[in-house]
PDB file of N, CA and C in Angstrom:
ATOM      1  N   MET A   1      16.539 -12.700  14.520  1.00  0.00           N
ATOM      2  CA  MET A   1      16.611 -11.651  13.408  1.00  0.00           C
ATOM      3  C   MET A   1      18.550 -11.357  14.488  1.00  0.00           C
ATOM      4  N   LYS A   2      19.288 -11.673  13.199  1.00  0.00           N
ATOM      5  CA  LYS A   2      20.580 -11.340  14.660  1.00  0.00           C
ATOM      6  C   LYS A   2      20.270 -10.363  14.094  1.00  0.00           C
ATOM      7  N   ASN A   3      20.079  -8.489  13.588  1.00  0.00           N
ATOM      8  CA  ASN A   3      20.560  -7.426  14.146  1.00  0.00           C
ATOM      9  C   ASN A   3      19.281  -7.273  13.965  1.00  0.00           C
ATOM     10  N   LEU A   4      18.624  -6.218  15.265  1.00  0.00           N
ATOM     11  CA  LEU A   4      17.034  -5.334  14.590  1.00  0.00           C
ATOM     12  C   LEU A   4      16.983  -4.374  13.159  1.00  0.00           C
ATOM     13  N   LEU A   5      16.115  -4.637  12.817  1.00  0.00           N
ATOM     14  CA  LEU A   5      16.607  -4.470  11.368  1.00  0.00           C
ATOM     15  C   LEU A   5      15.242  -3.649  11.155  1.00  0.00           C
ATOM     16  N   THR A   6      15.522  -1.833  10.920  1.00  0.00           N
ATOM     17  CA  THR A   6      14.310  -1.099  11.097  1.00  0.00           C
ATOM     18  C   THR A   6      14.033  -0.758   9.241  1.00  0.00           C
ATOM     19  N   LEU A   7      12.968  -1.389   9.706  1.00  0.00           N
ATOM     20  CA  LEU A   7      12.354  -1.355   7.578  1.00  0.00           C
ATOM     21  C   LEU A   7      11.449   0.785   7.464  1.00  0.00           C
ATOM     22  N   VAL A   8      11.582   0.714   6.673  1.00  0.00           N
ATOM     23  CA  VAL A   8      11.190   1.731   5.965  1.00  0.00           C
ATOM     24  C   VAL A   8       9.969   1.562   5.119  1.00  0.00           C
ATOM     25  N   VAL A   9       9.249   2.507   4.711  1.00  0.00           N
ATOM     26  CA  VAL A   9       8.390   2.044   4.015  1.00  0.00           C
ATOM     27  C   VAL A   9       8.574   2.813   2.808  1.00  0.00           C
ATOM     28  N   VAL A  10       8.237   2.722   1.426  1.00  0.00           N
ATOM     29  CA  VAL A  10       7.969   3.761   0.522  1.00  0.00           C
ATOM     30  C   VAL A  10       7.614   3.743  -0.234  1.00  0.00           C
ATOM     31  N   LEU A  11       6.508   4.047  -0.358  1.00  0.00           N
ATOM     32  CA  LEU A  11       5.631   3.498  -1.842  1.00  0.00           C
ATOM     33  C   LEU A  11       6.181   3.904  -2.964  1.00  0.00           C
ATOM     34  N   LEU A  12       6.366   3.141  -4.201  1.00  0.00           N
ATOM     35  CA  LEU A  12       6.272   3.055  -5.454  1.00  0.00           C
ATOM     36  C   LEU A  12       5.438   3.651  -6.218  1.00  0.00           C
ATOM     37  N   ILE A  13       4.559   4.661  -5.713  1.00  0.00           N
ATOM     38  CA  ILE A  13       3.390   5.142  -6.351  1.00  0.00           C
ATOM     39  C   ILE A  13       4.033   6.245  -6.528  1.00  0.00           C
ATOM     40  N   ASN A  14       5.476   7.133  -7.221  1.00  0.00           N
ATOM     41  CA  ASN A  14       5.511   8.420  -6.603  1.00  0.00           C
ATOM     42  C   ASN A  14       4.742   8.781  -8.048  1.00  0.00           C
ATOM     43  N   THR A  15       3.348   8.877  -8.707  1.00  0.00           N
ATOM     44  CA  THR A  15       3.042   9.351 -10.239  1.00  0.00           C
ATOM     45  C   THR A  15       2.519   8.205 -10.883  1.00  0.00           C
ATOM     46  N   THR A  16       3.158   6.733  -9.945  1.00  0.00           N
ATOM     47  CA  THR A  16       2.471   6.139 -10.871  1.00  0.00           C
ATOM     48  C   THR A  16       1.765   5.253 -10.654  1.00  0.00           C
ATOM     49  N   PHE A  17       0.361   5.879 -10.490  1.00  0.00           N
ATOM     50  CA  PHE A  17      -0.332   4.628  -9.466  1.00  0.00           C
ATOM     51  C   PHE A  17      -1.508   4.404 -10.484  1.00  0.00           C
ATOM     52  N   ALA A  18      -2.459   3.242 -10.889  1.00  0.00           N
ATOM     53  CA  ALA A  18      -2.704   2.847 -12.120  1.00  0.00           C
ATOM     54  C   ALA A  18      -3.685   1.596 -12.056  1.00  0.00           C
ATOM     55  N   PHE A  19      -4.594   2.130 -12.216  1.00  0.00           N
ATOM     56  CA  PHE A  19      -5.569   1.101 -12.408  1.00  0.00           C
ATOM     57  C   PHE A  19      -5.923  -0.176 -12.358  1.00  0.00           C
ATOM     58  N   ALA A  20      -6.336  -0.881 -11.740  1.00  0.00           N
ATOM     59  CA  ALA A  20      -6.370  -3.124 -11.877  1.00  0.00           C
ATOM     60  C   ALA A  20      -6.426  -2.743 -13.878  1.00  0.00           C
ATOM     61  N   ARG A  21      -7.163  -2.650 -14.503  1.00  0.00           N
ATOM     62  CA  ARG A  21      -7.462  -2.920 -15.738  1.00  0.00           C
ATOM     63  C   ARG A  21      -6.457  -1.912 -16.225  1.00  0.00           C
ATOM     64  N   ASN A  22      -5.789  -2.186 -17.631  1.00  0.00           N
ATOM     65  CA  ASN A  22      -4.061  -1.820 -17.970  1.00  0.00           C
ATOM     66  C   ASN A  22      -5.538  -0.881 -19.396  1.00  0.00           C
ATOM     67  N   GLU A  23      -6.692  -1.172 -19.289  1.00  0.00           N
ATOM     68  CA  GLU A  23      -7.196  -0.279 -20.409  1.00  0.00           C
ATOM     69  C   GLU A  23      -6.800   1.065 -20.176  1.00  0.00           C
ATOM     70  N   GLU A  24      -6.685   1.696 -18.124  1.00  0.00           N
ATOM     71  CA  GLU A  24      -7.122   2.801 -18.482  1.00  0.00           C
ATOM     72  C   GLU A  24      -5.242   3.799 -18.393  1.00  0.00           C
ATOM     73  N   PRO A  25      -5.036   5.021 -18.972  1.00  0.00           N
ATOM     74  CA  PRO A  25      -3.715   5.150 -18.424  1.00  0.00           C
ATOM     75  C   PRO A  25      -4.240   5.879 -17.473  1.00  0.00           C
ATOM     76  N   LYS A  26      -2.441   5.361 -17.143  1.00  0.00           N
ATOM     77  CA  LYS A  26      -2.144   5.812 -15.395  1.00  0.00           C
ATOM     78  C   LYS A  26      -2.680   7.628 -14.885  1.00  0.00           C
ATOM     79  N   ARG A  27      -2.496   7.408 -13.344  1.00  0.00           N
ATOM     80  CA  ARG A  27      -2.780   9.269 -12.952  1.00  0.00           C
ATOM     81  C   ARG A  27      -2.335   9.584 -12.903  1.00  0.00           C
ATOM     82  N   VAL A  28      -1.614  10.044 -11.896  1.00  0.00           N
ATOM     83  CA  VAL A  28      -0.976  11.378 -10.752  1.00  0.00           C
ATOM     84  C   VAL A  28      -1.855  10.864  -9.742  1.00  0.00           C
ATOM     85  N   LEU A  29      -2.307  10.559  -8.477  1.00  0.00           N
ATOM     86  CA  LEU A  29      -2.691  11.052  -7.114  1.00  0.00           C
ATOM     87  C   LEU A  29      -1.984  11.065  -6.009  1.00  0.00           C
ATOM     88  N   ALA A  30      -1.332  12.423  -6.083  1.00  0.00           N
ATOM     89  CA  ALA A  30      -0.277  12.869  -5.330  1.00  0.00           C
ATOM     90  C   ALA A  30      -1.112  12.748  -3.924  1.00  0.00           C
ATOM     91  N   GLU A  31      -1.990  13.287  -3.637  1.00  0.00           N
ATOM     92  CA  GLU A  31      -2.598  12.877  -2.661  1.00  0.00           C
ATOM     93  C   GLU A  31      -3.119  12.169  -2.426  1.00  0.00           C
ATOM     94  N   THR A  32      -2.932  10.793  -2.495  1.00  0.00           N
ATOM     95  CA  THR A  32      -3.742   9.441  -2.130  1.00  0.00           C
ATOM     96  C   THR A  32      -2.636   8.852  -2.254  1.00  0.00           C
ATOM     97  N   SER A  33      -1.134   8.582  -2.692  1.00  0.00           N
ATOM     98  CA  SER A  33      -0.561   8.778  -2.803  1.00  0.00           C
ATOM     99  C   SER A  33       0.140   8.968  -1.275  1.00  0.00           C
ATOM    100  N   LYS A  34      -0.020  10.602  -0.789  1.00  0.00           N
ATOM    101  CA  LYS A  34       0.525  10.634   0.481  1.00  0.00           C
ATOM    102  C   LYS A  34       0.152  10.387   1.525  1.00  0.00           C
ATOM    103  N   GLU A  35      -1.314  10.411   1.606  1.00  0.00           N
ATOM    104  CA  GLU A  35      -2.038   9.200   2.186  1.00  0.00           C
ATOM    105  C   GLU A  35      -1.748   7.844   2.690  1.00  0.00           C
ATOM    106  N   LEU A  36      -1.347   7.010   1.468  1.00  0.00           N
ATOM    107  CA  LEU A  36      -1.320   5.866   1.837  1.00  0.00           C
ATOM    108  C   LEU A  36      -0.107   5.248   2.127  1.00  0.00           C
ATOM    109  N   SER A  37       0.553   6.562   1.832  1.00  0.00           N
ATOM    110  CA  SER A  37       2.404   6.191   2.333  1.00  0.00           C
ATOM    111  C   SER A  37       2.330   6.647   4.161  1.00  0.00           C
ATOM    112  N   HIS A  38       1.326   8.158   4.733  1.00  0.00           N
ATOM    113  CA  HIS A  38       1.152   8.071   6.033  1.00  0.00           C
ATOM    114  C   HIS A  38       0.478   6.591   6.545  1.00  0.00           C
ATOM    115  N   LEU A  39      -0.105   5.857   6.193  1.00  0.00           N
ATOM    116  CA  LEU A  39      -0.527   4.418   6.592  1.00  0.00           C
ATOM    117  C   LEU A  39      -0.006   3.750   7.094  1.00  0.00           C
ATOM    118  N   LEU A  40       1.115   3.701   5.575  1.00  0.00           N
ATOM    119  CA  LEU A  40       1.879   2.065   5.772  1.00  0.00           C
ATOM    120  C   LEU A  40       3.077   2.820   6.998  1.00  0.00           C
ATOM    121  N   ASN A  41       3.551   3.613   7.126  1.00  0.00           N
ATOM    122  CA  ASN A  41       4.059   4.553   8.046  1.00  0.00           C
ATOM    123  C   ASN A  41       4.151   4.958   8.859  1.00  0.00           C
ATOM    124  N   SER A  42       2.564   4.612   9.905  1.00  0.00           N
ATOM    125  CA  SER A  42       2.131   4.747  10.962  1.00  0.00           C
ATOM    126  C   SER A  42       1.950   4.032  11.996  1.00  0.00           C
ATOM    127  N   ILE A  43       2.464   2.174  11.556  1.00  0.00           N
ATOM    128  CA  ILE A  43       2.629   1.347  12.609  1.00  0.00           C
ATOM    129  C   ILE A  43       4.463   1.112  12.326  1.00  0.00           C
ATOM    130  N   HIS A  44       5.096   0.640  13.754  1.00  0.00           N
ATOM    131  CA  HIS A  44       6.568   1.010  13.749  1.00  0.00           C
ATOM    132  C   HIS A  44       6.584  -0.849  12.604  1.00  0.00           C
ATOM    133  N   THR A  45       7.690  -0.786  12.739  1.00  0.00           N
ATOM    134  CA  THR A  45       7.929  -2.370  12.353  1.00  0.00           C
ATOM    135  C   THR A  45       9.203  -2.651  11.647  1.00  0.00           C
ATOM    136  N   GLU A  46       9.610  -3.248  13.018  1.00  0.00           N
ATOM    137  CA  GLU A  46      10.757  -4.281  13.229  1.00  0.00           C
ATOM    138  C   GLU A  46      11.253  -5.687  12.906  1.00  0.00           C
ATOM    139  N   GLY A  47      12.751  -5.625  11.781  1.00  0.00           N
ATOM    140  CA  GLY A  47      12.745  -7.150  12.215  1.00  0.00           C
ATOM    141  C   GLY A  47      12.464  -8.388  11.663  1.00  0.00           C
ATOM    142  N   PHE A  48      10.649  -8.069  10.638  1.00  0.00           N
ATOM    143  CA  PHE A  48      10.230  -9.311   9.526  1.00  0.00           C
ATOM    144  C   PHE A  48      11.088  -9.370   8.811  1.00  0.00           C
ATOM    145  N   LEU A  49      11.665  -9.177   8.302  1.00  0.00           N
ATOM    146  CA  LEU A  49      11.953  -8.851   7.292  1.00  0.00           C
ATOM    147  C   LEU A  49      13.523  -9.571   6.504  1.00  0.00           C
ATOM    148  N   GLU A  50      14.461  -9.871   6.313  1.00  0.00           N
ATOM    149  CA  GLU A  50      15.663 -10.672   5.858  1.00  0.00           C
ATOM    150  C   GLU A  50      16.469  -9.903   4.445  1.00  0.00           C
ATOM    151  N   LYS A  51      15.212  -9.551   3.704  1.00  0.00           N
ATOM    152  CA  LYS A  51      15.888  -8.100   2.199  1.00  0.00           C
ATOM    153  C   LYS A  51      14.760  -7.522   1.757  1.00  0.00           C
ATOM    154  N   GLU A  52      14.600  -6.426   1.219  1.00  0.00           N
ATOM    155  CA  GLU A  52      13.552  -5.720   0.161  1.00  0.00           C
ATOM    156  C   GLU A  52      13.024  -6.513   0.076  1.00  0.00           C
ATOM    157  N   VAL A  53      12.383  -6.019  -0.180  1.00  0.00           N
ATOM    158  CA  VAL A  53      11.175  -6.598  -1.325  1.00  0.00           C
ATOM    159  C   VAL A  53       9.614  -5.439  -1.579  1.00  0.00           C
ATOM    160  N   THR A  54       9.646  -5.739  -2.858  1.00  0.00           N
ATOM    161  CA  THR A  54       8.481  -5.276  -3.296  1.00  0.00           C
ATOM    162  C   THR A  54       7.641  -5.746  -3.571  1.00  0.00           C
ATOM    163  N   VAL A  55       5.843  -5.577  -3.143  1.00  0.00           N
ATOM    164  CA  VAL A  55       4.469  -6.315  -2.930  1.00  0.00           C
ATOM    165  C   VAL A  55       4.223  -5.518  -3.337  1.00  0.00           C
ATOM    166  N   LYS A  56       2.751  -5.866  -4.122  1.00  0.00           N
ATOM    167  CA  LYS A  56       1.590  -5.614  -5.541  1.00  0.00           C
ATOM    168  C   LYS A  56       0.692  -5.398  -4.534  1.00  0.00           C
ATOM    169  N   VAL A  57      -0.445  -4.884  -4.014  1.00  0.00           N
ATOM    170  CA  VAL A  57      -2.141  -4.346  -3.705  1.00  0.00           C
ATOM    171  C   VAL A  57      -2.578  -3.904  -3.884  1.00  0.00           C
ATOM    172  N   LEU A  58      -3.926  -4.892  -4.305  1.00  0.00           N
ATOM    173  CA  LEU A  58      -4.947  -3.981  -5.042  1.00  0.00           C
ATOM    174  C   LEU A  58      -5.817  -4.584  -4.188  1.00  0.00           C
ATOM    175  N   PHE A  59      -6.042  -2.988  -4.617  1.00  0.00           N
ATOM    176  CA  PHE A  59      -7.631  -2.356  -3.306  1.00  0.00           C
ATOM    177  C   PHE A  59      -8.848  -2.461  -4.006  1.00  0.00           C
ATOM    178  N   TYR A  60      -9.895  -1.667  -3.235  1.00  0.00           N
ATOM    179  CA  TYR A  60     -10.967  -0.885  -3.895  1.00  0.00           C
ATOM    180  C   TYR A  60     -11.202  -0.216  -2.928  1.00  0.00           C
ATOM    181  N   VAL A  61     -12.339   1.016  -2.855  1.00  0.00           N
ATOM    182  CA  VAL A  61     -12.327   2.137  -2.417  1.00  0.00           C
ATOM    183  C   VAL A  61     -13.791   2.144  -2.207  1.00  0.00           C
ATOM    184  N   ASN A  62     -14.619   1.627  -0.737  1.00  0.00           N
ATOM    185  CA  ASN A  62     -16.109   1.269  -0.661  1.00  0.00           C
ATOM    186  C   ASN A  62     -16.916   2.419  -0.848  1.00  0.00           C
ATOM    187  N   ASP A  63     -18.340   2.415  -1.116  1.00  0.00           N
ATOM    188  CA  ASP A  63     -19.178   4.037  -0.855  1.00  0.00           C
ATOM    189  C   ASP A  63     -18.703   5.104   0.221  1.00  0.00           C
ATOM    190  N   LEU A  64     -18.429   4.142   1.314  1.00  0.00           N
ATOM    191  CA  LEU A  64     -17.727   4.922   2.925  1.00  0.00           C
ATOM    192  C   LEU A  64     -16.464   5.771   2.391  1.00  0.00           C
ATOM    193  N   ARG A  65     -16.193   6.155   1.598  1.00  0.00           N
ATOM    194  CA  ARG A  65     -14.525   5.629   0.818  1.00  0.00           C
ATOM    195  C   ARG A  65     -13.067   5.145   1.607  1.00  0.00           C
ATOM    196  N   GLN A  66     -13.656   3.892   2.039  1.00  0.00           N
ATOM    197  CA  GLN A  66     -12.674   3.055   3.036  1.00  0.00           C
ATOM    198  C   GLN A  66     -11.860   2.454   1.858  1.00  0.00           C
ATOM    199  N   ILE A  67     -10.459   2.048   1.783  1.00  0.00           N
ATOM    200  CA  ILE A  67      -9.951   1.449   1.684  1.00  0.00           C
ATOM    201  C   ILE A  67     -10.346  -0.123   2.117  1.00  0.00           C
ATOM    202  N   VAL A  68     -10.674  -1.277   1.119  1.00  0.00           N
ATOM    203  CA  VAL A  68     -10.750  -2.400   1.058  1.00  0.00           C
ATOM    204  C   VAL A  68      -9.877  -3.421   0.178  1.00  0.00           C
ATOM    205  N   VAL A  69      -9.042  -3.676   1.149  1.00  0.00           N
ATOM    206  CA  VAL A  69      -7.309  -4.638   0.407  1.00  0.00           C
ATOM    207  C   VAL A  69      -8.041  -5.642  -0.223  1.00  0.00           C
ATOM    208  N   LEU A  70      -8.032  -5.928  -1.395  1.00  0.00           N
ATOM    209  CA  LEU A  70      -8.200  -7.730  -1.087  1.00  0.00           C
ATOM    210  C   LEU A  70      -7.290  -8.556  -1.888  1.00  0.00           C
ATOM    211  N   LYS A  71      -5.980  -7.920  -2.265  1.00  0.00           N
ATOM    212  CA  LYS A  71      -5.038  -8.953  -2.262  1.00  0.00           C
ATOM    213  C   LYS A  71      -3.884  -7.994  -1.743  1.00  0.00           C
ATOM    214  N   VAL A  72      -3.141  -9.426  -1.430  1.00  0.00           N
ATOM    215  CA  VAL A  72      -1.280  -8.727  -1.019  1.00  0.00           C
ATOM    216  C   VAL A  72      -0.694  -9.369  -2.077  1.00  0.00           C
ATOM    217  N   GLY A  73       0.178  -8.812  -2.953  1.00  0.00           N
ATOM    218  CA  GLY A  73       0.800  -9.746  -3.628  1.00  0.00           C
ATOM    219  C   GLY A  73       2.316 -10.857  -2.647  1.00  0.00           C
ATOM    220  N   SER A  74       1.806 -10.909  -1.549  1.00  0.00           N
ATOM    221  CA  SER A  74       3.391 -12.007  -0.252  1.00  0.00           C
ATOM    222  C   SER A  74       3.119 -13.014   0.555  1.00  0.00           C
ATOM    223  N   GLU A  75       4.187 -13.736  -0.427  1.00  0.00           N
ATOM    224  CA  GLU A  75       4.301 -14.783   0.550  1.00  0.00           C
ATOM    225  C   GLU A  75       3.971 -14.645   2.769  1.00  0.00           C
ATOM    226  N   ASN A  76       5.325 -13.360   2.474  1.00  0.00           N
ATOM    227  CA  ASN A  76       5.563 -13.962   4.063  1.00  0.00           C
ATOM    228  C   ASN A  76       4.127 -13.006   4.663  1.00  0.00           C
ATOM    229  N   ALA A  77       3.659 -13.404   6.106  1.00  0.00           N
ATOM    230  CA  ALA A  77       2.471 -12.898   6.563  1.00  0.00           C
ATOM    231  C   ALA A  77       2.490 -12.465   7.497  1.00  0.00           C
ATOM    232  N   ASP A  78       3.746 -12.450   7.391  1.00  0.00           N
ATOM    233  CA  ASP A  78       4.072 -10.202   8.098  1.00  0.00           C
ATOM    234  C   ASP A  78       3.822  -9.611   7.955  1.00  0.00           C
ATOM    235  N   ILE A  79       4.396  -9.494   6.430  1.00  0.00           N
ATOM    236  CA  ILE A  79       3.775  -8.350   5.425  1.00  0.00           C
ATOM    237  C   ILE A  79       2.422  -8.438   5.215  1.00  0.00           C
ATOM    238  N   CYS A  80       1.573  -9.088   4.594  1.00  0.00           N
ATOM    239  CA  CYS A  80       0.222  -8.928   4.936  1.00  0.00           C
ATOM    240  C   CYS A  80       0.015  -9.168   5.708  1.00  0.00           C
ATOM    241  N   THR A  81      -0.316  -8.555   7.045  1.00  0.00           N
ATOM    242  CA  THR A  81      -0.578  -8.548   8.106  1.00  0.00           C
ATOM    243  C   THR A  81      -0.088  -6.896   8.760  1.00  0.00           C
ATOM    244  N   TYR A  82       0.939  -6.720   8.356  1.00  0.00           N
ATOM    245  CA  TYR A  82       0.966  -5.770   8.294  1.00  0.00           C
ATOM    246  C   TYR A  82       0.492  -4.345   7.192  1.00  0.00           C
ATOM    247  N   ILE A  83       0.449  -4.965   6.286  1.00  0.00           N
ATOM    248  CA  ILE A  83      -0.316  -4.107   4.862  1.00  0.00           C
ATOM    249  C   ILE A  83      -2.306  -3.901   5.618  1.00  0.00           C
ATOM    250  N   MET A  84      -2.664  -5.522   5.899  1.00  0.00           N
ATOM    251  CA  MET A  84      -4.045  -5.186   5.585  1.00  0.00           C
ATOM    252  C   MET A  84      -4.069  -4.961   6.820  1.00  0.00           C
ATOM    253  N   HIS A  85      -3.174  -4.211   8.279  1.00  0.00           N
ATOM    254  CA  HIS A  85      -3.944  -3.603   9.390  1.00  0.00           C
ATOM    255  C   HIS A  85      -3.576  -2.146   9.581  1.00  0.00           C
ATOM    256  N   SER A  86      -2.182  -1.914   8.754  1.00  0.00           N
ATOM    257  CA  SER A  86      -2.720  -0.340   7.838  1.00  0.00           C
ATOM    258  C   SER A  86      -3.365  -0.113   7.169  1.00  0.00           C
ATOM    259  N   LEU A  87      -3.928  -0.652   6.096  1.00  0.00           N
ATOM    260  CA  LEU A  87      -4.745  -0.103   5.557  1.00  0.00           C
ATOM    261  C   LEU A  87      -6.603  -0.922   5.302  1.00  0.00           C
ATOM    262  N   ASN A  88      -6.048  -1.766   5.666  1.00  0.00           N
ATOM    263  CA  ASN A  88      -8.127  -2.233   5.216  1.00  0.00           C
ATOM    264  C   ASN A  88      -9.029  -1.381   6.640  1.00  0.00           C
ATOM    265  N   TYR A  89      -9.470  -0.606   5.714  1.00  0.00           N
ATOM    266  CA  TYR A  89     -11.574  -0.303   6.446  1.00  0.00           C
ATOM    267  C   TYR A  89     -10.512   1.641   6.779  1.00  0.00           C
ATOM    268  N   ARG A  90      -9.271   1.543   6.310  1.00  0.00           N
ATOM    269  CA  ARG A  90      -9.486   3.090   6.368  1.00  0.00           C
ATOM    270  C   ARG A  90      -9.463   4.431   5.554  1.00  0.00           C
ATOM    271  N   LYS A  91     -10.217   4.693   5.607  1.00  0.00           N
ATOM    272  CA  LYS A  91     -10.707   6.046   5.805  1.00  0.00           C
ATOM    273  C   LYS A  91     -10.176   7.224   4.726  1.00  0.00           C
ATOM    274  N   LEU A  92     -10.480   7.710   3.606  1.00  0.00           N
ATOM    275  CA  LEU A  92     -10.004   7.906   2.612  1.00  0.00           C
ATOM    276  C   LEU A  92     -10.084   9.822   2.680  1.00  0.00           C
ATOM    277  N   VAL A  93      -9.340  10.376   2.747  1.00  0.00           N
ATOM    278  CA  VAL A  93      -9.566  12.002   2.950  1.00  0.00           C
ATOM    279  C   VAL A  93      -9.570  12.386   1.403  1.00  0.00           C
ATOM    280  N   SER A  94      -8.783  12.310   0.739  1.00  0.00           N
ATOM    281  CA  SER A  94      -8.604  12.454  -0.636  1.00  0.00           C
ATOM    282  C   SER A  94      -9.852  11.891  -2.094  1.00  0.00           C
ATOM    283  N   ASN A  95      -9.972  12.788  -2.631  1.00  0.00           N
ATOM    284  CA  ASN A  95     -11.360  12.341  -4.440  1.00  0.00           C
ATOM    285  C   ASN A  95     -10.473  12.155  -4.697  1.00  0.00           C
ATOM    286  N   GLU A  96      -9.616  11.803  -4.920  1.00  0.00           N
ATOM    287  CA  GLU A  96      -9.036  11.432  -6.041  1.00  0.00           C
ATOM    288  C   GLU A  96      -9.230   9.809  -6.861  1.00  0.00           C
ATOM    289  N   LEU A  97      -9.647   8.893  -6.121  1.00  0.00           N
ATOM    290  CA  LEU A  97      -9.852   8.009  -6.889  1.00  0.00           C
ATOM    291  C   LEU A  97     -11.716   7.847  -6.615  1.00  0.00           C
ATOM    292  N   THR A  98     -11.827   6.928  -7.301  1.00  0.00           N
ATOM    293  CA  THR A  98     -13.461   6.541  -7.601  1.00  0.00           C
ATOM    294  C   THR A  98     -13.877   5.176  -7.088  1.00  0.00           C
ATOM    295  N   VAL A  99     -15.137   5.563  -5.868  1.00  0.00           N
ATOM    296  CA  VAL A  99     -16.272   4.357  -5.109  1.00  0.00           C
ATOM    297  C   VAL A  99     -16.036   3.508  -6.434  1.00  0.00           C
ATOM    298  N   GLY A 100     -16.138   1.860  -5.626  1.00  0.00           N
ATOM    299  CA  GLY A 100     -15.950   0.996  -6.558  1.00  0.00           C
ATOM    300  C   GLY A 100     -14.797   0.138  -8.014  1.00  0.00           C
ATOM    301  N   GLU A 101     -14.267   1.016  -7.910  1.00  0.00           N
ATOM    302  CA  GLU A 101     -13.282   1.234  -9.218  1.00  0.00           C
ATOM    303  C   GLU A 101     -12.265   0.009  -7.906  1.00  0.00           C
ATOM    304  N   LYS A 102     -11.318  -1.177  -8.709  1.00  0.00           N
ATOM    305  CA  LYS A 102     -10.212  -1.152  -8.089  1.00  0.00           C
ATOM    306  C   LYS A 102      -8.588  -0.429  -8.952  1.00  0.00           C
ATOM    307  N   TYR A 103      -7.753  -1.144  -7.552  1.00  0.00           N
ATOM    308  CA  TYR A 103      -6.902   0.246  -7.788  1.00  0.00           C
ATOM    309  C   TYR A 103      -5.856  -1.535  -7.355  1.00  0.00           C
ATOM    310  N   PHE A 104      -4.358  -0.806  -7.243  1.00  0.00           N
ATOM    311  CA  PHE A 104      -3.462  -1.557  -7.369  1.00  0.00           C
ATOM    312  C   PHE A 104      -2.360  -0.381  -7.273  1.00  0.00           C
ATOM    313  N   PHE A 105      -1.105  -0.665  -6.257  1.00  0.00           N
ATOM    314  CA  PHE A 105       0.311  -0.147  -6.748  1.00  0.00           C
ATOM    315  C   PHE A 105       1.559  -1.114  -5.649  1.00  0.00           C
ATOM    316  N   ASP A 106       2.348  -0.656  -5.760  1.00  0.00           N
ATOM    317  CA  ASP A 106       3.638  -1.440  -5.489  1.00  0.00           C
ATOM    318  C   ASP A 106       3.717  -0.530  -3.705  1.00  0.00           C
ATOM    319  N   VAL A 107       4.406  -1.091  -3.281  1.00  0.00           N
ATOM    320  CA  VAL A 107       4.961  -1.188  -2.113  1.00  0.00           C
ATOM    321  C   VAL A 107       6.569  -1.720  -1.768  1.00  0.00           C
ATOM    322  N   GLU A 108       7.370  -0.642  -1.395  1.00  0.00           N
ATOM    323  CA  GLU A 108       9.016  -1.177  -1.420  1.00  0.00           C
ATOM    324  C   GLU A 108       9.266  -0.875   0.165  1.00  0.00           C
ATOM    325  N   PHE A 109       9.249  -2.528   0.629  1.00  0.00           N
ATOM    326  CA  PHE A 109      10.019  -2.837   1.503  1.00  0.00           C
ATOM    327  C   PHE A 109      11.388  -2.239   1.733  1.00  0.00           C
ATOM    328  N   LYS A 110      11.930  -1.352   3.056  1.00  0.00           N
ATOM    329  CA  LYS A 110      13.932  -1.450   1.740  1.00  0.00           C
ATOM    330  C   LYS A 110      14.105  -1.083   3.740  1.00  0.00           C
ATOM    331  N   LEU A 111      15.557  -2.041   3.645  1.00  0.00           N
ATOM    332  CA  LEU A 111      16.035  -1.898   4.893  1.00  0.00           C
ATOM    333  C   LEU A 111      16.860  -0.363   4.834  1.00  0.00           C
ATOM    334  N   LYS A 112      17.007  -0.632   6.220  1.00  0.00           N
ATOM    335  CA  LYS A 112      17.971   0.609   6.611  1.00  0.00           C
ATOM    336  C   LYS A 112      18.695  -0.272   7.675  1.00  0.00           C
TER     337      LYS A 112
END
């Protein structure tokens, strides 16, 4: 990379969290959004993107209230590794999500 780029991870789930099935209406999940944002910002990311990108992440919550990432919608291995490492098997404090349900959300990586 020419310059060292600092990435700011911003979740686009500003109240746009949704069930993986489109049958259910979108719900506001403020506490879960804050938790996921914190988890994704906990690891310092520098220099693995050349442009801004939005990635769709599919996951479910297991019986231990841990996030289990099922799919990361990116072909960039660095992004997939970053998201998997940041979220997979991290325990959720909030009780807004239903155990066993599949959820998706968008993660926006912005160059700063």
